[in-house]
Each structure stands twice: as structure tokens, then as C-alpha cells.
Protein backbone atom coordinates (compact mmCIF):
# COMPACT_ATOMS: atom_id res chain seq x y z
CA UNK A 1 -77.79 213.18 36.07
CA UNK A 2 -75.44 212.08 38.79
CA UNK A 3 -78.40 211.60 41.04
CA UNK A 4 -80.11 209.42 38.59
CA UNK A 5 -77.03 207.12 38.18
CA UNK A 6 -76.80 206.62 41.93
CA UNK A 7 -80.48 205.61 42.08
CA UNK A 8 -79.95 203.18 39.45
CA UNK A 9 -76.76 201.73 41.26
CA UNK A 10 -78.82 201.60 44.51
CA UNK A 11 -81.61 199.68 42.67
CA UNK A 12 -79.33 197.06 41.27
CA UNK A 13 -77.49 196.55 44.42
CA UNK A 14 -80.99 196.21 46.32
CA UNK A 15 -82.22 193.78 43.64
CA UNK A 16 -78.91 191.63 44.10
CA UNK A 17 -79.40 191.59 47.93
CA UNK A 18 -83.11 190.51 47.77
CA UNK A 19 -82.08 187.73 45.17
CA UNK A 20 -79.38 186.45 47.44
CA UNK A 21 -81.57 186.20 50.33
CA UNK A 22 -84.42 184.61 48.72
CA UNK A 23 -82.05 182.15 46.85
CA UNK A 24 -80.15 180.83 49.93
CA UNK A 25 -83.47 180.90 52.20
CA UNK A 26 -85.01 178.35 49.80
CA UNK A 27 -81.80 176.19 49.73
CA UNK A 28 -81.67 176.15 53.48
CA UNK A 29 -85.45 175.28 53.59
CA UNK A 30 -85.06 172.50 51.11
CA UNK A 31 -82.19 170.92 53.09
CA UNK A 32 -83.73 171.27 56.41
CA UNK A 33 -86.30 168.52 56.05
CA UNK A 34 -83.68 165.89 55.30
CA UNK A 35 -81.65 166.77 58.27
CA UNK A 36 -84.65 166.73 60.61
CA UNK A 37 -85.46 163.09 60.43
CA UNK A 38 -81.87 162.11 61.08
CA UNK A 39 -81.75 164.37 64.34
CA UNK A 40 -85.02 163.05 65.34
CA UNK A 41 -83.76 159.41 64.95
CA UNK A 42 -80.57 160.17 67.01
CA UNK A 43 -82.78 161.61 69.79
CA UNK A 44 -85.26 158.74 69.78
CA UNK A 45 -82.32 156.16 69.90
CA UNK A 46 -80.81 158.11 72.75
CA UNK A 47 -84.18 158.34 74.74
CA UNK A 48 -85.58 154.93 73.89
CA UNK A 49 -85.68 151.90 76.46
CA UNK A 50 -84.99 149.40 73.63
CA UNK A 51 -81.85 147.52 74.07
CA UNK A 52 -79.07 148.74 71.58
CA UNK A 53 -77.84 146.04 69.15
CA UNK A 54 -75.25 143.71 70.42
CA UNK A 55 -72.62 142.07 68.30
CA UNK A 56 -72.76 138.27 68.55
CA UNK A 57 -69.75 136.22 68.86
CA UNK A 58 -70.04 132.43 68.02
CA UNK A 59 -69.31 130.22 71.04
CA UNK A 60 -67.94 126.73 70.76
CA UNK A 61 -69.97 124.28 72.95
CA UNK A 62 -68.35 121.04 73.91
CA UNK A 63 -70.70 118.04 73.04
CA UNK A 64 -70.09 114.91 75.08
CA UNK A 65 -69.20 111.69 72.92
CA UNK A 66 -71.98 109.09 72.73
CA UNK A 67 -70.98 105.37 72.78
CA UNK A 68 -71.45 103.61 69.70
CA UNK A 69 -74.43 100.97 69.72
CA UNK A 70 -73.18 97.92 71.63
CA UNK A 71 -70.38 99.49 73.55
CA UNK A 72 -70.80 99.25 77.25
CA UNK A 73 -71.88 102.49 78.90
CA UNK A 74 -69.16 102.30 81.62
CA UNK A 75 -66.38 102.03 78.95
CA UNK A 76 -64.74 105.34 77.86
CA UNK A 77 -65.10 105.67 73.90
CA UNK A 78 -61.66 106.84 73.69
CA UNK A 79 -59.77 103.52 73.25
CA UNK A 80 -58.17 103.81 76.83
CA UNK A 81 -57.14 100.48 78.15
CA UNK A 82 -59.05 99.02 81.02
CA UNK A 83 -57.18 98.24 84.12
CA UNK A 84 -55.66 94.68 84.24
CA UNK A 85 -57.59 92.26 86.40
CA UNK A 86 -55.45 91.24 89.50
CA UNK A 87 -54.81 87.52 89.57
CA UNK A 88 -56.11 85.25 92.42
CA UNK A 89 -53.59 82.58 93.09
CA UNK A 90 -56.31 80.62 95.08
CA UNK A 91 -58.71 80.64 91.91
CA UNK A 92 -55.86 79.82 89.68
CA UNK A 93 -55.04 76.79 91.60
CA UNK A 94 -58.64 75.58 91.96
CA UNK A 95 -59.06 75.90 88.08
CA UNK A 96 -55.77 73.89 87.57
CA UNK A 97 -57.04 71.23 89.96
CA UNK A 98 -60.35 70.93 87.94
CA UNK A 99 -58.50 70.81 84.64
CA UNK A 100 -56.29 68.09 85.96
CA UNK A 101 -59.05 66.18 87.36
CA UNK A 102 -61.15 66.30 84.04
CA UNK A 103 -58.15 64.90 82.17
CA UNK A 104 -57.55 61.99 84.51
CA UNK A 105 -61.04 61.16 85.39
CA UNK A 106 -62.21 59.16 88.37
CA UNK A 107 -60.82 55.75 89.01
CA UNK A 108 -62.31 52.39 88.93
CA UNK A 109 -65.98 53.04 88.05
CA UNK A 110 -68.41 50.26 87.12
CA UNK A 111 -71.11 50.60 84.41
CA UNK A 112 -73.94 51.95 86.53
CA UNK A 113 -76.79 49.88 85.08
CA UNK A 114 -76.75 46.21 86.15
CA UNK A 115 -76.31 43.55 83.51
CA UNK A 116 -74.83 46.12 80.94
CA UNK A 117 -71.51 45.26 79.51
CA UNK A 118 -68.69 47.70 78.94
CA UNK A 119 -68.34 46.67 75.31
CA UNK A 120 -72.12 47.54 74.62
CA UNK A 121 -71.59 51.25 75.60
CA UNK A 122 -72.15 53.91 73.11
CA UNK A 123 -70.41 57.23 73.20
CA UNK A 124 -73.16 59.87 73.06
CA UNK A 125 -71.37 62.59 75.00
CA UNK A 126 -71.04 65.08 71.89
CA UNK A 127 -74.50 64.30 70.47
CA UNK A 128 -76.67 67.30 69.72
CA UNK A 129 -79.63 67.99 71.79
CA UNK A 130 -82.61 70.49 71.40
CA UNK A 131 -81.98 74.39 71.73
CA UNK A 132 -78.33 73.91 70.61
CA UNK A 133 -77.20 71.95 73.60
CA UNK A 134 -74.73 69.27 73.64
CA UNK A 135 -75.62 66.08 75.44
CA UNK A 136 -72.55 66.11 77.97
CA UNK A 137 -73.38 62.59 79.09
CA UNK A 138 -73.80 58.98 77.87
CA UNK A 139 -77.14 57.18 77.58
CA UNK A 140 -77.04 53.45 78.61
CA UNK A 141 -79.95 51.80 77.14
CA UNK A 142 -81.95 49.12 79.17
CA UNK A 143 -85.37 47.84 79.72
CA UNK A 144 -87.57 49.88 82.16
CA UNK A 145 -87.19 48.80 85.79
CA UNK A 146 -83.44 47.50 85.29
CA UNK A 147 -81.58 48.42 88.51
CA UNK A 148 -79.38 51.38 88.53
CA UNK A 149 -76.30 51.05 90.76
CA UNK A 150 -73.77 53.22 92.27
CA UNK A 151 -70.89 53.66 89.92
CA UNK A 152 -68.37 54.18 92.91
CA UNK A 153 -68.75 54.50 96.75
CA UNK A 154 -69.91 57.85 97.85
CA UNK A 155 -72.80 59.98 99.35
CA UNK A 156 -76.19 60.82 97.85
CA UNK A 157 -75.99 64.44 97.66
CA UNK A 158 -79.30 65.42 96.12
CA UNK A 159 -82.49 63.67 95.11
CA UNK A 160 -84.17 66.15 92.54
CA UNK A 161 -86.91 66.22 89.86
CA UNK A 162 -86.40 68.42 86.92
CA UNK A 163 -88.27 69.04 83.45
CA UNK A 164 -85.49 67.42 81.46
CA UNK A 165 -83.95 65.06 83.73
CA UNK A 166 -87.04 63.75 85.46
CA UNK A 167 -86.31 61.87 88.60
CA UNK A 168 -82.41 62.37 89.37
CA UNK A 169 -79.98 61.43 91.67
CA UNK A 170 -76.57 63.46 92.41
CA UNK A 171 -73.89 61.40 94.08
CA UNK A 172 -70.46 62.73 95.56
CA UNK A 173 -67.50 60.43 95.61
CA UNK A 174 -65.54 60.44 99.00
CA UNK A 175 -62.84 62.90 97.95
CA UNK A 176 -65.36 65.37 96.84
CA UNK A 177 -63.71 65.83 93.51
CA UNK A 178 -66.36 64.35 91.42
CA UNK A 179 -70.10 64.00 91.21
CA UNK A 180 -72.10 61.43 89.42
CA UNK A 181 -75.40 62.19 88.03
CA UNK A 182 -78.09 59.56 87.30
CA UNK A 183 -81.21 60.81 85.36
CA UNK A 184 -84.59 59.75 83.75
CA UNK A 185 -85.07 57.21 86.84
CA UNK A 186 -88.33 55.38 86.74
CA UNK A 187 -87.98 55.45 90.65
CA UNK A 188 -85.51 55.53 93.47
CA UNK A 189 -84.50 52.52 95.36
CA UNK A 190 -86.66 51.94 98.71
CA UNK A 191 -85.71 54.12 101.59
CA UNK A 192 -82.91 56.00 99.52
CA UNK A 193 -82.38 59.59 100.93
CA UNK A 194 -80.05 62.49 100.74
CA UNK A 195 -76.72 62.33 102.94
CA UNK A 196 -76.91 58.55 102.63
CA UNK A 197 -73.64 56.64 102.17
CA UNK A 198 -73.77 54.00 99.37
CA UNK A 199 -71.25 51.49 98.12
CA UNK A 200 -70.16 50.76 94.63
CA UNK A 201 -72.66 48.29 92.99
CA UNK A 202 -75.52 49.20 95.50
CA UNK A 203 -78.85 49.48 93.87
CA UNK A 204 -79.83 53.33 93.94
CA UNK A 205 -82.79 53.27 91.52
CA UNK A 206 -84.31 52.00 88.39
CA UNK A 207 -84.19 52.83 84.66
CA UNK A 208 -87.11 54.86 83.40
CA UNK A 209 -87.97 57.62 80.87
CA UNK A 210 -88.96 60.41 83.20
CA UNK A 211 -88.35 63.98 82.18
CA UNK A 212 -87.89 64.56 78.35
CA UNK A 213 -86.80 60.85 77.69
CA UNK A 214 -88.97 58.93 75.17
CA UNK A 215 -91.12 56.12 76.71
CA UNK A 216 -90.27 54.01 73.83
CA UNK A 217 -86.41 54.21 74.66
CA UNK A 218 -86.07 53.99 78.51
CA UNK A 219 -82.47 54.48 79.40
CA UNK A 220 -80.01 55.98 82.16
CA UNK A 221 -78.68 59.26 81.45
CA UNK A 222 -75.29 59.28 83.30
CA UNK A 223 -72.94 62.15 83.59
CA UNK A 224 -69.74 62.95 85.52
CA UNK A 225 -68.93 66.53 86.95
CA UNK A 226 -65.63 67.92 88.26
CA UNK A 227 -66.68 69.76 91.22
CA UNK A 228 -65.41 73.13 92.00
CA UNK A 229 -64.29 74.34 95.51
CA UNK A 230 -67.80 75.32 96.54
CA UNK A 231 -69.01 71.69 96.02
CA UNK A 232 -72.26 72.66 94.45
CA UNK A 233 -74.28 69.59 93.28
CA UNK A 234 -75.95 71.59 90.42
CA UNK A 235 -72.79 73.16 89.12
CA UNK A 236 -69.48 71.43 87.62
CA UNK A 237 -67.14 70.86 84.67
CA UNK A 238 -68.54 67.97 82.68
CA UNK A 239 -66.18 65.17 81.49
CA UNK A 240 -66.92 62.14 79.08
CA UNK A 241 -68.01 59.19 81.04
CA UNK A 242 -67.45 56.78 78.08
CA UNK A 243 -63.67 56.62 78.22
CA UNK A 244 -63.71 56.60 81.99
CA UNK A 245 -65.98 53.64 82.06
CA UNK A 246 -64.27 51.94 79.12
CA UNK A 247 -60.77 52.25 80.91
CA UNK A 248 -61.75 50.05 83.90
CA UNK A 249 -59.02 51.66 85.94
CA UNK A 250 -57.72 50.44 89.26
């Protein structure tokens, strides 16, 4: 009887051991597949040549400012003041001389068309011309071929033909402060040449309508320029000849 009981106990213990082994083995087997891929992935990552992910940090890049349309490219768009220009005493003095001469005007001119009275002159200095230009001279009407005379003593500086002025004469007066411009001439006086000295009242040309003047209205286009220090015949500051001729100074 005692032997039978021991046998039963042994059988029960053996059955529990078998059950325990079988149960825990299945749990281990079922967990293994989930762990293997993780280990394999770690091993692959360690042995792979592929670069590891890098954390990207935003970097601020300075972009140069672009000048607004119309702004000069050599000006900083920061509003910085440009350096002050240095004054030139000589240039300032020459500009003052030009202004003073323009206000005073040359002295003692005669009407540069023979037979035309001062009282018949018309002030056309500020009249409008084509392309937005101002006249900057007076027109002295006279029949074609009427003698044009030197308004003052001086030197014939340039004989010139232009599209607008036609046949023209530039005369400098003796001091070199003023130039007289005669335009739309029909012809020059015979033998007239550059650098020739002329006397007031001397015939230097003839009224015409060359250049852009109308053949139906021949006239002398007469202008006065205040010359700069360079004494350039093509460049000067215009003054109105009308009051100068009307004044009859000297």
C-alpha cells in the first residue's frame, strides 16, 4: 500500500515537471521570433555602410539687399549720407562772373540787321519751339538778302552750318565774356573767315532762311551767350538780346 502511494506521488511529480517544461518552452519559442528581428536590425545597422541619420540644424544665411528700381547701383540702400562735395573756389568765382555778366549784358550793341529800328523789335526769347525747346534768342524779320552787320566789335570765332541754324556765325567780343550768334543766313559776306577781326556795323552776312527757318519768313536769329572760362563757341549761358538791344547802353 505504501509503495502504491509513493508511485502515485512520483507520477504526479513527473507529470508536473513535464507540464512545466513544455509550457515554458513554448513561451520561450513564441517570444524568440519577436526578438530576433530586433537583434538582426541592430546588427545590420552596425555593419551597414549607409550613413547614420544626422540631426539637421537650421542655419541663417545673410541675403544682400537689392537696390530698389531707380536707385543708383553705387549708392548704399541704407540711407547713409553721401560725402559732401568739396567746393572749388575757382569754379564758384567763374559761375559768379557768368551770373553777373548775364544780369548786366554787353554794352552798346546795335541792331544787327541794317535798316531795322530798335522800336520794331519783338521779344521772342521765351517763345516755345519744337521738341519742348525754348527759343533763347530773338528773330529779327527782314527781306532775304538784307545785310547782317556785326552788333559790336570783335572776332569771327566760328563759321558753322547746322541742321537747325543753317548758315551761322559765332562772334566773340574783345573781352571774351560774350559771344554773338547769327543764324539762318543766306550767305556770308565775301571773304569772311574765321579769326577775322570785325568792327561794329560791318557787313558779315545776309538775311536768309537756311536751316529750319521758313522760306516764307526770312529773318536773322540773333542770340547772346555769356562764355565760360573755357571760351567754347558752342557752349555758353544764354541771355535775352531784346532788353540789351533796347537799352542802347553806352
